[in-house]
Amino acid sequence: MGEVMALVWAQWRTNLSYRVRMIYTLVGVVVSVVPLFFIADAVQPVMAEAIAAEGGQAFGFLLVGLAGVGMISVAILALPRAISAGVATGVLEALMATPAGIGRILAGLSSYEIAFALARTLVTLGVGWALGANLQVSGVLPGLLILLLITLAHLPFALAGSALVLAFRTTGPLPQGVMLVSTLLGGAYYPTHVIPSWLESVSTVVPLTYGLRALRGVLLEGLPLAAVLPDLTVLCAAGAGLFALGAASFALALRHARRHGTLAQY
């Protein structure tokens, strides 16, 4: 745990030297909620019936979708970016030479960005609540847990992307493809039951579908965790299965890079 915190602290100190950028990022989060409010107000009459079982309010529905998409974006991209930078600068090779386990190194390289993304998400939800989103205060802590589960369920894609970086120096279209499918079929900006039936069946294998449904249940409907447990069970099972594949792909890529001496590329 000490190694993870040391890497997170190092990234925090580095980013703290760019205070204007951090402030600009948080201000951008606040500003981005405002147009969403007006868009939601415009589409409320059209969406009301379709989202009746998920809060019934377009603004709250879209706000939670935005929060989920923001978290999975960082979950998928943070580690490959860190690995790519580490390879280019030689930092990754140096880290691999330390006694720290590979799991702790990977956790340390990605935890800061994920934590900062979670902070941005909380700001987004807070601004949305201030503008009138029907967020239930009782659902904040369960919602935070579900956001973390959504993030963990998408970390295997980060492992697969990092494996591609180690092997080919690029993630290829993997992150963009996962984001596209998750956004279009995961119920981020419209309920999955309004899309064509053949696409709706595809959405059943998208982890975000279950995460957002559970998140909207606790945040918009005020449901207890027990009521959304079936969705969370599927989300966790999907994450566990994907993690096995992601970890295997990363282990193979790391073995290949060590064998060929390509952990660094100055």
Foldseek 3Di string as FASTA:
>chain_A
DVLLVVLLVVVVVVVVVVVVVLVVVLVVLLVVLVVLVVVQVVCLVVAQVQCVVLQSGLSLLLLLLVLLLLLLLLLQPQQLVLLLVCQAVVVQVVVVPDPDDPVSVSSSSRVNSNVSSLVSSVSSVVSSVVVPRQWDPLLPVVLSVLSVLSSLLNNLNNLQQNLCCLQPVGSPCSSVVLSVLCSVLQSSNGQNVVDDPVSSVVSVLNLSNLSSSQSSCCTNVVDDNVVSVVSSVVSNVSSVVSNVVSVVSNVVSVVVCVVVVSSHDD
